[in-house]
Amino acid sequence: MTIDTPPPSLSVLTVPATDVQAAADFATHPDVRRLLGSRDPATWILRGQGLVGLGRSAEFRVRGGTRFTSARVWWDAVRDAAVVNDRVNRPGTGLLAFGAFAFSPSSTADSGLVVPELVIGSDDHGAWVTMIRVGSSDLTVSDVDAAWRSLVVESPAALETHDAAETGGAASSYPTATPGALDENRWMEAVADGVGMIQAGDLEKLVLARDVVVNVGRPIDLSAVLARLSDRYDSCWTYCVRLGGAEDPDAGRLLGATPEMLIRVKQGTASARVLAGTLDRHDLPDGANPEDFAGVTLGGSDKQQREHKFAVDSLLAGLSPYAETVHGEEEPFILALPNVWHLASDVRAQLRTGVDGTLPSPLELAEAVHPTAAVCGTPTEVAGGAIEDLERMDRGLYAGPVGWLDASGNGEWGIALRGAVQADSQRARVSAGCGIVAESDPQAELAETWAKLRPMLEALPAIHD
């Protein structure tokens, strides 16, 4: 496959943050959440570490069934044409792009990659700054310093936001949240239809999602929303990426805090975190021990265990052809989040070198394992068709891969869950889904969607202290 538009010629310089005078204070306390006040950030943050991208030097947008392949071809061309001076040489340094891909090949939403002008990263070994400029030029630390002063808005600590009141999760708790494609009753009817398909033997598992539209009533404070998500859900990956092209500069921005890692590739090793099986923390009985309650309710449920196994098996089926060895726990563990508990399994694989002597790229692996049964169902093709018939909506970027990749074959692609897509400066579409099996009860599944909608519904009204 070829790309009609020639790739840009990029110059790249990565230096330790300690080398950049304007970043001196940040380098002392390199929590990337401090940078969320900057304009239109792209983010990938876990416990204050990760990546923040500012500005944009290049972008590629695509739709359809070849969206992953087209993006790989474009990225390979950009990588091959770039002149890179990487003085740090760790995963996430050098030439890098953020990206997001639609759940379905039939989606009308743009998928693609964004190459920022400035990327600030941090890990256990320290912080770095990467500058990416169009054209052939010898970048210097002075250029990086100037870009920092132009693009970065730094706060002395992670932004603080007002805590939203914990509510019962009912629609009435969020008066500005209105039904999207289906109202509650019609969505429960869709769940019942899905259960009927499973009981008839058409498929084993189906994941059905629904959406609500939130009107904040004022411009959404992006920095406050991201700060709240990355602080309260610090064991999740806080993501944000905006593919351009819309007349409204806020339209199409994807943001959220996902607990699910679709695929991570670092120095030839791939890993993933699979989630399926959910318990709302609001269901905790008075006086009960949370860990014991979650362990017994999730771990002892045949329904939840089977739902989880479908998700793990689908991930392994997609990953195994690319791996020398694959290792996963025999039993799932309980992942505790502020809003829910999940059954979770971590998978690790040593990647196999191809006939051309190279390892598979993170994008190739993301395409191979997407969609897992955690967001689609089993069998995949049948479940995908049922989703389109029953949900009555275009999922867009919801439940698709979101994350980043660098030019050295490293990358992290999560599943775009617990998030939203901005419609404009004041409105956002928030989606959540549930795994449906033969024993599923529509009313219980509806309650689960409210539990999963809760992180974004609470974060969107966030304001600064």
Protein backbone atom coordinates (compact mmCIF):
# COMPACT_ATOMS: atom_id res chain seq x y z
CA MET A 1 0.00 0.00 0.00
CA THR A 2 1.20 3.50 -0.83
CA ILE A 3 0.20 6.86 0.61
CA ASP A 4 -0.60 9.60 -1.90
CA THR A 5 0.61 12.42 0.35
CA PRO A 6 4.41 12.42 0.68
CA PRO A 7 5.63 12.11 4.29
CA PRO A 8 7.03 15.21 5.95
CA SER A 9 10.76 15.50 6.50
CA LEU A 10 11.25 15.90 10.24
CA SER A 11 14.21 16.84 12.42
CA VAL A 12 14.17 15.45 15.96
CA LEU A 13 16.21 16.18 19.08
CA THR A 14 15.72 14.47 22.46
CA VAL A 15 17.64 15.69 25.51
CA PRO A 16 17.40 15.11 29.26
CA ALA A 17 15.06 17.62 30.88
CA THR A 18 17.95 18.68 33.10
CA ASP A 19 19.66 20.12 29.98
CA VAL A 20 16.78 22.50 29.26
CA GLN A 21 16.97 25.69 31.29
CA ALA A 22 13.26 26.46 31.05
CA ALA A 23 12.46 22.94 32.33
CA ALA A 24 14.71 23.15 35.38
CA ASP A 25 11.93 23.18 37.96
CA PHE A 26 10.02 20.40 36.18
CA ALA A 27 13.18 18.27 35.98
CA THR A 28 13.44 18.45 39.77
CA HIS A 29 9.86 17.14 40.20
CA PRO A 30 9.04 15.44 36.87
CA ASP A 31 5.34 14.75 37.31
CA VAL A 32 3.91 15.24 33.83
CA ARG A 33 0.53 16.15 35.32
CA ARG A 34 2.13 19.51 36.04
CA LEU A 35 1.98 20.23 32.30
CA LEU A 36 -1.77 19.73 31.84
CA GLY A 37 -2.44 23.46 31.85
CA SER A 38 -0.77 23.66 28.43
CA ARG A 39 -2.97 24.22 25.41
CA ASP A 40 -4.46 21.17 23.66
CA PRO A 41 -2.20 18.48 25.15
CA ALA A 42 -1.92 14.92 23.92
CA THR A 43 -1.43 12.68 26.95
CA TRP A 44 -0.55 9.20 28.11
CA ILE A 45 -0.12 9.29 31.89
CA LEU A 46 0.11 6.65 34.62
CA ARG A 47 0.83 7.69 38.22
CA GLY A 48 2.32 10.97 37.08
CA GLN A 49 4.70 9.37 34.60
CA GLY A 50 4.28 9.08 30.85
CA LEU A 51 4.06 11.47 27.94
CA VAL A 52 2.58 14.88 27.15
CA GLY A 53 2.68 16.17 23.57
CA LEU A 54 2.19 19.83 22.64
CA GLY A 55 1.70 21.46 19.27
CA ARG A 56 1.77 19.39 16.11
CA SER A 57 4.37 18.91 13.42
CA ALA A 58 2.60 16.29 11.30
CA GLU A 59 -0.67 14.37 11.18
CA PHE A 60 -2.19 11.47 9.27
CA ARG A 61 -5.92 10.74 9.18
CA VAL A 62 -7.65 7.76 7.60
CA ARG A 63 -10.93 5.81 7.64
CA GLY A 64 -11.97 2.29 6.74
CA GLY A 65 -10.71 -1.25 6.92
CA THR A 66 -7.14 -0.36 5.98
CA ARG A 67 -6.81 2.30 8.70
CA PHE A 68 -4.09 0.42 10.63
CA THR A 69 -2.12 -0.59 7.56
CA SER A 70 -2.31 2.89 6.04
CA ALA A 71 -1.09 4.44 9.27
CA ARG A 72 1.81 1.95 9.47
CA VAL A 73 2.87 2.74 5.91
CA TRP A 74 2.75 6.48 6.62
CA TRP A 75 4.62 6.12 9.90
CA ASP A 76 7.34 3.97 8.35
CA ALA A 77 7.84 6.60 5.65
CA VAL A 78 8.00 9.40 8.23
CA ARG A 79 10.45 7.43 10.34
CA ASP A 80 12.70 6.64 7.38
CA ALA A 81 12.80 10.30 6.28
CA ALA A 82 13.42 11.76 9.76
CA VAL A 83 16.79 12.92 11.05
CA VAL A 84 16.88 11.95 14.73
CA ASN A 85 19.35 12.92 17.44
CA ASP A 86 18.27 11.01 20.54
CA ARG A 87 20.52 11.65 23.53
CA VAL A 88 18.37 9.63 25.93
CA ASN A 89 17.51 6.43 24.01
CA ARG A 90 14.69 4.97 26.06
CA PRO A 91 11.18 3.85 25.10
CA GLY A 92 9.21 7.00 24.30
CA THR A 93 12.19 9.13 23.26
CA GLY A 94 13.13 10.28 19.77
CA LEU A 95 10.49 10.50 17.03
CA LEU A 96 7.05 9.76 18.49
CA ALA A 97 3.37 9.94 17.58
CA PHE A 98 0.13 9.75 19.53
CA GLY A 99 -2.81 8.03 17.87
CA ALA A 100 -6.36 6.75 18.04
CA PHE A 101 -8.24 4.27 15.85
CA ALA A 102 -11.95 3.73 15.36
CA PHE A 103 -13.51 0.61 16.80
CA SER A 104 -15.08 -0.46 13.51
CA PRO A 105 -13.84 -0.30 9.91
CA SER A 106 -17.26 1.06 8.94
CA SER A 107 -16.97 4.06 11.30
CA THR A 108 -17.21 7.57 9.90
CA ALA A 109 -14.79 8.81 12.58
CA ASP A 110 -11.22 9.62 11.60
CA SER A 111 -8.43 7.35 12.81
CA GLY A 112 -4.81 8.38 12.66
CA LEU A 113 -1.56 9.59 14.14
CA VAL A 114 -0.39 12.98 15.42
CA VAL A 115 3.28 13.94 15.69
CA PRO A 116 3.64 16.73 18.28
CA GLU A 117 6.09 19.62 18.10
CA LEU A 118 7.22 19.04 21.68
CA VAL A 119 7.03 15.85 23.76
CA ILE A 120 7.80 15.79 27.46
CA GLY A 121 8.26 12.35 29.01
CA SER A 122 9.19 10.82 32.34
CA ASP A 123 9.81 7.36 33.72
CA ASP A 124 11.61 5.81 36.70
CA HIS A 125 14.95 6.99 35.30
CA GLY A 126 14.07 10.65 34.88
CA ALA A 127 12.55 13.10 32.41
CA TRP A 128 13.32 14.13 28.85
CA VAL A 129 12.18 16.63 26.25
CA THR A 130 11.86 15.95 22.52
CA MET A 131 11.50 18.62 19.86
CA ILE A 132 10.19 17.67 16.42
CA ARG A 133 10.37 20.24 13.63
CA VAL A 134 9.39 20.09 9.97
CA GLY A 135 12.38 20.48 7.65
CA SER A 136 16.05 19.61 7.74
CA SER A 137 17.79 21.55 10.48
CA ASP A 138 20.32 20.94 13.19
CA LEU A 139 18.25 21.39 16.32
CA THR A 140 19.95 22.62 19.48
CA VAL A 141 19.13 22.67 23.15
CA SER A 142 18.39 26.38 22.71
CA ASP A 143 15.66 25.44 20.21
CA VAL A 144 14.17 23.01 22.72
CA ASP A 145 14.32 25.68 25.42
CA ALA A 146 12.51 28.18 23.18
CA ALA A 147 9.82 25.63 22.31
CA TRP A 148 9.27 24.88 26.01
CA ARG A 149 8.81 28.58 26.78
CA SER A 150 6.38 28.92 23.89
CA LEU A 151 4.22 25.82 24.46
CA VAL A 152 4.41 24.72 28.10
CA VAL A 153 2.17 26.06 30.84
CA GLU A 154 3.57 24.59 34.03
CA SER A 155 1.95 24.46 37.45
CA PRO A 156 3.87 23.79 40.68
CA ALA A 157 1.93 20.58 41.32
CA ALA A 158 -0.70 18.41 39.71
CA LEU A 159 -3.84 20.48 39.16
CA GLU A 160 -6.40 20.12 41.90
CA THR A 161 -10.09 19.76 41.17
CA HIS A 162 -13.21 19.77 43.25
CA ASP A 163 -14.48 16.30 44.04
CA ALA A 164 -17.87 15.63 42.56
CA ALA A 165 -20.34 14.21 45.03
CA GLU A 166 -20.62 10.43 44.96
CA THR A 167 -24.07 9.70 43.62
CA GLY A 168 -26.13 6.63 43.15
CA GLY A 169 -25.29 6.44 39.46
CA ALA A 170 -28.81 7.08 38.22
CA ALA A 171 -29.56 9.25 35.23
CA SER A 172 -31.21 11.82 37.48
CA SER A 173 -27.85 12.32 39.24
CA TYR A 174 -26.54 14.02 36.11
CA PRO A 175 -29.26 16.38 34.85
CA THR A 176 -27.16 17.50 31.87
CA ALA A 177 -26.63 13.91 30.62
CA THR A 178 -29.19 13.06 27.94
CA PRO A 179 -29.67 9.78 26.06
CA GLY A 180 -27.63 9.25 22.93
CA ALA A 181 -28.53 6.68 20.29
CA LEU A 182 -30.82 4.69 22.63
CA ASP A 183 -32.62 5.62 25.83
CA GLU A 184 -32.42 3.28 28.80
CA ASN A 185 -35.51 1.21 27.96
CA ARG A 186 -34.55 0.70 24.32
CA TRP A 187 -31.01 -0.22 25.33
CA MET A 188 -32.29 -2.83 27.80
CA GLU A 189 -34.41 -4.22 24.98
CA ALA A 190 -31.23 -4.50 22.91
CA VAL A 191 -29.57 -6.39 25.78
CA ALA A 192 -32.52 -8.78 25.95
CA ASP A 193 -32.23 -9.35 22.20
CA GLY A 194 -28.53 -10.06 22.64
CA VAL A 195 -29.22 -12.56 25.40
CA GLY A 196 -31.70 -14.24 23.08
CA MET A 197 -29.04 -14.56 20.37
CA ILE A 198 -26.65 -16.15 22.87
CA GLN A 199 -29.25 -18.55 24.20
CA ALA A 200 -30.08 -19.52 20.62
CA GLY A 201 -26.43 -20.45 20.07
CA ASP A 202 -25.61 -17.67 17.60
CA LEU A 203 -22.68 -16.49 19.74
CA GLU A 204 -21.16 -16.99 23.19
CA LYS A 205 -20.60 -13.42 24.36
CA LEU A 206 -21.62 -9.97 23.17
CA VAL A 207 -20.50 -6.54 24.37
CA LEU A 208 -23.16 -3.85 24.04
CA ALA A 209 -22.44 -0.17 24.63
CA ARG A 210 -24.60 2.91 24.98
CA ASP A 211 -23.86 6.60 24.97
CA VAL A 212 -25.05 9.76 26.70
CA VAL A 213 -24.45 13.36 25.72
CA VAL A 214 -23.21 15.72 28.44
CA ASN A 215 -23.68 19.47 28.10
CA VAL A 216 -21.49 21.18 30.67
CA GLY A 217 -23.11 24.54 29.96
CA ARG A 218 -19.76 26.29 29.61
CA PRO A 219 -16.46 25.55 27.85
CA ILE A 220 -15.08 22.25 29.09
CA ASP A 221 -11.96 22.88 31.17
CA LEU A 222 -9.72 20.28 29.56
CA SER A 223 -6.81 20.73 31.97
CA ALA A 224 -9.08 20.26 34.98
CA VAL A 225 -10.77 17.19 33.48
CA LEU A 226 -7.46 15.51 32.69
CA ALA A 227 -6.03 16.46 36.07
CA ARG A 228 -8.98 14.93 37.90
CA LEU A 229 -8.83 11.72 35.88
CA SER A 230 -5.07 11.31 36.22
CA ASP A 231 -5.22 12.00 39.95
CA ARG A 232 -8.23 9.94 41.00
CA TYR A 233 -7.68 7.13 38.49
CA ASP A 234 -3.91 7.11 38.76
CA SER A 235 -3.71 3.33 38.21
CA CYS A 236 -5.34 3.86 34.80
CA TRP A 237 -3.78 5.41 31.71
CA THR A 238 -5.08 8.95 31.20
CA TYR A 239 -5.25 9.50 27.46
CA CYS A 240 -6.04 12.48 25.29
CA VAL A 241 -5.58 12.91 21.55
CA ARG A 242 -7.22 15.15 18.98
CA LEU A 243 -7.15 14.41 15.29
CA GLY A 244 -7.52 17.68 13.38
CA GLY A 245 -9.71 18.56 10.45
CA ALA A 246 -12.86 19.75 12.21
CA GLU A 247 -14.00 23.36 11.98
CA ASP A 248 -14.40 23.39 15.76
CA PRO A 249 -10.91 23.00 17.32
CA ASP A 250 -12.40 20.99 20.21
CA ALA A 251 -14.55 18.62 18.14
CA GLY A 252 -13.34 15.04 17.96
CA ARG A 253 -10.99 15.18 20.94
CA LEU A 254 -10.81 11.78 22.63
CA LEU A 255 -10.04 11.69 26.35
CA GLY A 256 -10.45 9.42 29.33
CA ALA A 257 -8.71 7.10 31.79
CA THR A 258 -8.58 3.50 30.63
CA PRO A 259 -7.78 0.57 32.93
CA GLU A 260 -7.19 -1.79 29.99
CA MET A 261 -3.91 -2.16 28.09
CA LEU A 262 -4.57 -3.66 24.66
CA ILE A 263 -0.90 -4.09 23.81
CA ARG A 264 2.39 -2.66 25.09
CA VAL A 265 5.68 -3.23 23.25
CA LYS A 266 8.97 -2.33 24.88
CA GLN A 267 12.29 -3.56 23.55
CA GLY A 268 10.90 -6.70 21.95
CA THR A 269 8.56 -7.75 24.76
CA ALA A 270 4.80 -7.40 24.47
CA SER A 271 2.35 -7.26 27.35
CA ALA A 272 -1.34 -6.63 27.87
CA ARG A 273 -3.88 -6.22 30.66
CA VAL A 274 -7.23 -7.85 29.99
CA LEU A 275 -10.36 -6.84 31.91
CA ALA A 276 -13.75 -8.49 31.85
CA GLY A 277 -16.08 -8.97 34.79
CA THR A 278 -17.25 -5.91 36.72
CA LEU A 279 -18.66 -5.12 40.16
CA ASP A 280 -19.90 -1.66 41.14
CA ARG A 281 -18.44 -0.36 44.41
CA HIS A 282 -21.88 1.03 45.23
CA ASP A 283 -23.02 -2.59 45.67
CA LEU A 284 -20.77 -3.05 48.71
CA PRO A 285 -22.99 -3.99 51.71
CA ASP A 286 -22.64 -1.88 54.84
CA GLY A 287 -19.87 -3.19 57.05
CA ALA A 288 -18.53 -5.63 54.46
CA ASN A 289 -14.81 -5.95 53.77
CA PRO A 290 -14.30 -4.56 50.23
CA GLU A 291 -11.57 -7.01 49.20
CA ASP A 292 -13.46 -10.05 50.52
CA PHE A 293 -16.71 -8.89 48.93
CA ALA A 294 -15.11 -8.33 45.53
CA GLY A 295 -13.15 -11.57 45.69
CA VAL A 296 -16.18 -13.70 46.51
CA THR A 297 -18.66 -11.90 44.23
CA LEU A 298 -16.42 -11.74 41.16
CA GLY A 299 -14.11 -14.67 41.77
CA GLY A 300 -16.97 -16.97 42.72
CA SER A 301 -19.22 -16.07 39.80
CA ASP A 302 -19.26 -18.55 36.94
CA LYS A 303 -20.83 -15.86 34.72
CA GLN A 304 -18.05 -13.35 35.42
CA GLN A 305 -15.29 -15.96 35.10
CA ARG A 306 -16.57 -17.17 31.72
CA GLU A 307 -16.92 -13.60 30.46
CA HIS A 308 -13.32 -12.96 31.50
CA LYS A 309 -12.00 -16.15 29.89
CA PHE A 310 -13.53 -15.19 26.54
CA ALA A 311 -11.58 -11.91 26.66
CA VAL A 312 -8.27 -13.53 27.60
CA ASP A 313 -8.62 -16.26 24.96
CA SER A 314 -9.31 -13.73 22.20
CA LEU A 315 -6.22 -11.70 23.17
CA LEU A 316 -4.04 -14.82 23.16
CA ALA A 317 -5.41 -15.92 19.78
CA GLY A 318 -4.46 -12.59 18.22
CA LEU A 319 -1.05 -12.32 19.89
CA SER A 320 0.25 -15.89 19.68
CA PRO A 321 1.19 -15.87 15.95
CA TYR A 322 3.63 -13.02 16.68
CA ALA A 323 5.22 -14.50 19.80
CA GLU A 324 7.91 -17.01 20.67
CA THR A 325 6.38 -17.51 24.11
CA VAL A 326 3.23 -16.24 25.80
CA HIS A 327 2.66 -16.24 29.55
CA GLY A 328 -0.47 -15.38 31.49
CA GLU A 329 -1.72 -16.04 35.01
CA GLU A 330 -3.86 -19.12 35.48
CA GLU A 331 -6.36 -17.18 37.57
CA PRO A 332 -7.45 -13.53 37.21
CA PHE A 333 -6.85 -11.06 40.01
CA ILE A 334 -9.14 -8.37 41.39
CA LEU A 335 -8.33 -4.88 40.09
CA ALA A 336 -9.72 -2.22 42.42
CA LEU A 337 -10.66 1.16 40.92
CA PRO A 338 -12.46 4.06 42.60
CA ASN A 339 -15.74 3.24 40.84
CA VAL A 340 -15.64 -0.54 40.24
CA TRP A 341 -13.78 -3.80 40.72
CA HIS A 342 -12.70 -5.85 37.71
CA LEU A 343 -11.44 -9.32 37.05
CA ALA A 344 -8.05 -8.73 35.43
CA SER A 345 -5.30 -10.79 33.82
CA ASP A 346 -1.84 -9.70 32.72
CA VAL A 347 -0.31 -11.34 29.66
CA ARG A 348 3.36 -11.19 28.61
CA ALA A 349 4.95 -12.38 25.36
CA GLN A 350 8.39 -12.49 23.80
CA LEU A 351 7.96 -11.33 20.22
CA ARG A 352 9.12 -13.38 17.24
CA THR A 353 11.41 -11.87 14.60
CA GLY A 354 9.89 -11.93 11.13
CA VAL A 355 11.45 -13.25 7.93
CA ASP A 356 12.78 -9.75 7.23
CA GLY A 357 14.64 -9.76 10.54
CA THR A 358 12.39 -7.18 12.22
CA LEU A 359 9.94 -7.39 15.09
CA PRO A 360 6.23 -6.62 14.57
CA SER A 361 5.36 -2.98 15.17
CA PRO A 362 3.04 -1.92 18.00
CA LEU A 363 0.45 -0.85 15.40
CA GLU A 364 0.58 -4.24 13.68
CA LEU A 365 0.01 -5.96 17.02
CA ALA A 366 -2.80 -3.57 17.95
CA GLU A 367 -4.57 -4.46 14.71
CA ALA A 368 -3.96 -8.18 15.29
CA VAL A 369 -5.59 -8.26 18.73
CA HIS A 370 -8.33 -5.65 18.18
CA PRO A 371 -11.15 -6.07 18.95
CA THR A 372 -10.83 -8.46 21.86
CA ALA A 373 -13.85 -10.16 23.34
CA ALA A 374 -13.64 -7.62 26.18
CA VAL A 375 -15.12 -4.96 23.88
CA CYS A 376 -16.73 -6.99 21.09
CA GLY A 377 -17.69 -10.58 21.84
CA THR A 378 -17.19 -14.17 20.69
CA PRO A 379 -17.05 -15.12 17.84
CA THR A 380 -15.70 -11.73 16.79
CA GLU A 381 -17.30 -11.43 13.34
CA VAL A 382 -20.75 -12.47 14.51
CA ALA A 383 -20.54 -10.23 17.58
CA GLY A 384 -19.40 -7.27 15.46
CA GLY A 385 -22.43 -7.59 13.22
CA ALA A 386 -24.76 -7.88 16.20
CA ILE A 387 -23.25 -4.75 17.75
CA GLU A 388 -24.08 -2.66 14.70
CA ASP A 389 -27.63 -4.01 14.60
CA LEU A 390 -28.41 -3.63 18.30
CA GLU A 391 -26.53 -0.49 19.43
CA ARG A 392 -27.87 1.74 16.64
CA MET A 393 -24.80 3.97 16.84
CA ASP A 394 -21.37 4.47 15.37
CA ARG A 395 -18.98 3.77 18.25
CA GLY A 396 -16.38 5.99 16.60
CA LEU A 397 -13.17 6.03 18.64
CA TYR A 398 -14.85 4.50 21.69
CA ALA A 399 -13.37 1.05 22.50
CA GLY A 400 -10.73 1.42 19.78
CA PRO A 401 -6.95 1.52 20.34
CA VAL A 402 -5.51 4.76 21.73
CA GLY A 403 -1.91 5.44 22.69
CA TRP A 404 1.51 6.11 21.19
CA LEU A 405 4.45 4.62 19.31
CA ASP A 406 8.04 5.66 18.73
CA ALA A 407 10.45 5.09 15.86
CA SER A 408 12.33 2.33 17.72
CA GLY A 409 9.45 -0.15 17.78
CA ASN A 410 8.12 0.71 21.24
CA GLY A 411 4.56 1.73 21.98
CA GLU A 412 1.54 1.46 24.24
CA TRP A 413 -2.01 1.06 22.97
CA GLY A 414 -4.83 1.01 25.47
CA ILE A 415 -8.51 0.51 24.77
CA ALA A 416 -10.40 3.82 24.71
CA LEU A 417 -12.72 3.10 27.64
CA ARG A 418 -14.00 5.27 30.53
CA GLY A 419 -13.77 8.23 28.21
CA ALA A 420 -15.53 10.71 26.00
CA VAL A 421 -15.34 12.36 22.61
CA GLN A 422 -15.94 16.09 22.56
CA ALA A 423 -18.67 17.26 20.20
CA ASP A 424 -17.74 20.90 20.67
CA SER A 425 -16.36 23.18 23.37
CA GLN A 426 -19.26 22.47 25.77
CA ARG A 427 -20.61 19.03 24.86
CA ALA A 428 -19.15 15.54 25.02
CA ARG A 429 -20.39 12.09 24.09
CA VAL A 430 -19.66 9.56 26.87
CA SER A 431 -19.96 5.82 26.22
CA ALA A 432 -19.81 2.62 28.25
CA GLY A 433 -20.47 -1.04 27.53
CA CYS A 434 -21.10 -4.37 29.24
CA GLY A 435 -20.29 -7.97 28.47
CA ILE A 436 -23.49 -9.92 27.78
CA VAL A 437 -23.71 -13.68 28.32
CA ALA A 438 -26.63 -16.07 28.57
CA GLU A 439 -27.40 -15.21 32.23
CA SER A 440 -27.24 -11.42 31.79
CA ASP A 441 -30.06 -9.31 33.24
CA PRO A 442 -30.80 -6.10 31.30
CA GLN A 443 -31.48 -4.05 34.42
CA ALA A 444 -28.21 -5.14 36.04
CA GLU A 445 -26.30 -4.41 32.84
CA LEU A 446 -27.82 -0.92 32.71
CA ALA A 447 -26.64 -0.28 36.26
CA GLU A 448 -23.15 -1.43 35.23
CA THR A 449 -23.07 1.12 32.42
CA TRP A 450 -23.79 3.91 34.91
CA ALA A 451 -20.90 2.69 37.06
CA LYS A 452 -18.59 2.81 34.03
CA LEU A 453 -19.90 6.20 32.89
CA ARG A 454 -19.23 7.64 36.32
CA PRO A 455 -15.53 8.60 35.89
CA MET A 456 -16.23 10.92 32.96
CA LEU A 457 -19.56 12.19 34.27
CA GLU A 458 -17.84 13.29 37.46
CA ALA A 459 -14.76 14.65 35.73
CA LEU A 460 -16.37 16.78 33.03
CA PRO A 461 -17.78 19.42 35.43
CA ALA A 462 -14.41 19.69 37.21
CA ILE A 463 -13.15 23.20 37.92
CA HIS A 464 -9.96 24.53 39.47
CA ASP A 465 -9.84 25.18 43.20
